[in-house]
Protein backbone atom coordinates (compact mmCIF):
# COMPACT_ATOMS: atom_id res chain seq x y z
CA MET A 1 -39.07 25.39 -47.31
CA ALA A 2 -39.08 28.88 -48.85
CA LYS A 3 -38.05 31.78 -46.64
CA ASN A 4 -40.63 34.54 -46.04
CA LYS A 5 -39.95 37.72 -48.02
CA THR A 6 -42.10 39.97 -45.88
CA VAL A 7 -40.48 40.08 -42.47
CA GLU A 8 -40.16 42.87 -39.94
CA THR A 9 -37.08 44.99 -40.59
CA THR A 10 -35.24 47.86 -38.95
CA ALA A 11 -35.69 50.06 -42.03
CA SER A 12 -36.99 53.57 -41.44
CA VAL A 13 -40.72 54.16 -41.86
CA ASP A 14 -39.98 57.88 -42.31
CA ASP A 15 -37.64 57.11 -45.21
CA TYR A 16 -40.35 54.97 -46.85
CA VAL A 17 -42.91 57.77 -46.48
CA ALA A 18 -40.45 60.38 -47.80
CA LYS A 19 -40.13 58.38 -51.04
CA ILE A 20 -43.82 58.93 -51.85
CA SER A 21 -43.29 61.69 -54.40
CA ASP A 22 -46.87 62.93 -54.79
CA THR A 23 -47.60 65.35 -51.92
CA LYS A 24 -51.33 64.54 -51.66
CA LYS A 25 -50.66 60.82 -51.70
CA ARG A 26 -47.93 61.21 -49.07
CA ASN A 27 -50.25 63.28 -46.83
CA ASP A 28 -53.05 60.70 -47.22
CA PHE A 29 -50.59 57.95 -46.31
CA ILE A 30 -49.46 59.83 -43.21
CA ALA A 31 -53.11 60.28 -42.17
CA LEU A 32 -53.74 56.57 -42.73
CA MET A 33 -50.68 55.70 -40.65
CA GLU A 34 -52.02 57.82 -37.78
CA LEU A 35 -55.38 56.05 -38.04
CA PHE A 36 -53.68 52.64 -37.94
CA LYS A 37 -51.51 53.72 -34.99
CA LYS A 38 -54.50 55.03 -33.03
CA GLN A 39 -56.63 51.94 -33.64
CA SER A 40 -53.85 49.42 -32.98
CA GLY A 41 -52.02 51.21 -30.18
CA GLN A 42 -48.78 50.12 -31.87
CA ALA A 43 -45.87 52.01 -33.42
CA PRO A 44 -45.34 51.50 -37.16
CA LYS A 45 -42.59 49.13 -38.34
CA MET A 46 -41.38 48.29 -41.81
CA TRP A 47 -42.15 44.81 -43.11
CA GLY A 48 -40.10 43.98 -46.16
CA THR A 49 -39.33 47.01 -48.30
CA GLY A 50 -42.81 48.41 -48.82
CA ILE A 51 -45.28 47.54 -46.05
CA VAL A 52 -45.84 49.48 -42.83
CA GLY A 53 -47.19 47.13 -40.17
CA TYR A 54 -48.63 47.45 -36.70
CA GLY A 55 -48.19 44.68 -34.17
CA SER A 56 -47.36 41.10 -35.16
CA TYR A 57 -48.60 37.57 -34.77
CA ASP A 58 -47.18 34.14 -35.51
CA TYR A 59 -48.90 31.68 -37.82
CA LYS A 60 -48.42 28.07 -38.85
CA TYR A 61 -50.24 26.43 -41.75
CA GLU A 62 -51.18 22.76 -41.95
CA SER A 63 -48.45 22.43 -44.60
CA GLY A 64 -45.90 23.26 -41.92
CA HIS A 65 -45.13 26.72 -43.33
CA GLU A 66 -44.85 29.21 -40.50
CA GLY A 67 -43.81 32.77 -39.85
CA SER A 68 -44.82 36.14 -38.50
CA ALA A 69 -46.99 38.84 -40.05
CA PRO A 70 -48.25 42.27 -39.05
CA LYS A 71 -51.69 42.27 -37.41
CA VAL A 72 -52.70 45.18 -39.65
CA ALA A 73 -50.65 46.97 -42.28
CA LEU A 74 -50.71 49.34 -45.23
CA ALA A 75 -48.65 50.16 -48.28
CA ALA A 76 -48.55 52.99 -50.81
CA ARG A 77 -48.69 51.34 -54.23
CA ALA A 78 -48.63 53.00 -57.64
CA ASN A 79 -52.38 52.79 -58.22
CA ALA A 80 -53.86 52.65 -54.72
CA PHE A 81 -53.25 52.27 -51.04
CA SER A 82 -53.24 48.62 -50.00
CA LEU A 83 -54.68 48.09 -46.54
CA TYR A 84 -53.98 44.65 -45.08
CA LEU A 85 -56.90 44.02 -42.75
CA GLY A 86 -57.68 40.37 -43.33
CA ALA A 87 -61.11 39.04 -44.21
CA GLU A 88 -62.18 37.31 -41.01
CA PHE A 89 -63.22 40.05 -38.60
CA ASP A 90 -66.78 40.68 -37.40
CA SER A 91 -69.12 42.89 -39.46
CA ARG A 92 -66.65 43.09 -42.37
CA GLU A 93 -69.27 42.97 -45.15
CA GLU A 94 -71.59 45.38 -43.36
CA LEU A 95 -68.76 47.87 -42.86
CA LEU A 96 -67.53 47.52 -46.45
CA ALA A 97 -71.02 48.49 -47.62
CA LYS A 98 -70.73 51.73 -45.62
CA LEU A 99 -67.06 52.46 -46.36
CA GLY A 100 -67.23 54.30 -49.68
CA LYS A 101 -65.23 53.82 -52.87
CA HIS A 102 -62.93 50.81 -52.59
CA LYS A 103 -61.95 47.44 -54.04
CA THR A 104 -61.15 44.25 -52.17
CA GLY A 105 -58.85 41.28 -52.58
CA LYS A 106 -58.41 38.21 -50.35
CA GLY A 107 -57.28 40.05 -47.24
CA CYS A 108 -56.69 43.47 -48.77
CA LEU A 109 -58.68 46.60 -49.13
CA TYR A 110 -57.68 49.04 -51.87
CA ILE A 111 -58.51 52.73 -51.83
CA GLN A 112 -57.39 55.46 -54.21
CA LYS A 113 -57.72 58.49 -51.92
CA LEU A 114 -58.54 58.93 -48.27
CA GLU A 115 -61.41 61.27 -49.16
CA ASP A 116 -63.11 58.41 -51.04
CA VAL A 117 -63.89 56.57 -47.79
CA ASP A 118 -65.58 57.22 -44.47
CA SER A 119 -62.68 57.40 -42.02
CA THR A 120 -64.92 56.50 -39.06
CA VAL A 121 -65.93 53.25 -40.76
CA LEU A 122 -62.31 52.58 -41.75
CA ALA A 123 -61.16 53.15 -38.17
CA LYS A 124 -63.69 50.60 -36.93
CA MET A 125 -62.50 48.09 -39.54
CA ILE A 126 -58.86 48.55 -38.50
CA LYS A 127 -59.75 48.09 -34.81
CA LEU A 128 -61.87 44.98 -35.44
CA SER A 129 -59.22 43.41 -37.67
CA TYR A 130 -56.45 44.15 -35.18
CA ASN A 131 -58.47 42.74 -32.27
CA HIS A 132 -59.37 39.64 -34.30
CA LYS A 133 -55.68 38.89 -34.82
CA LYS A 134 -54.84 39.54 -31.14
CA GLY A 135 -56.02 36.02 -30.39
CA LYS A 136 -53.65 34.44 -32.91
């Protein structure tokens, strides 16, 4: 069975943040990290080479594939911030409608700039997603 690429590491979160060359983007990322930390109550840890995660849970699929993943996480990508919140928490669609400018994927939320979204709504989404995964 294939080995998971995205695993918790001992790499420095500060070093990852320092590599974000655009000052505004770096400052937005730092603000997002604080929001994730406050809502999860967890310290940030690197997962793989480019994801900052908060907390962890173990999973096992029917196929037998198993591993660990962060309960909530974020990454600074070239075109947007990727927020890994999952798609199964309560009131997700209602909150997305109130969030502001964003795009979604399976379990990801993509935002260009922090000012494009309502941070109060985002905080609630992070908390609900984190709490949903607490039971896993």
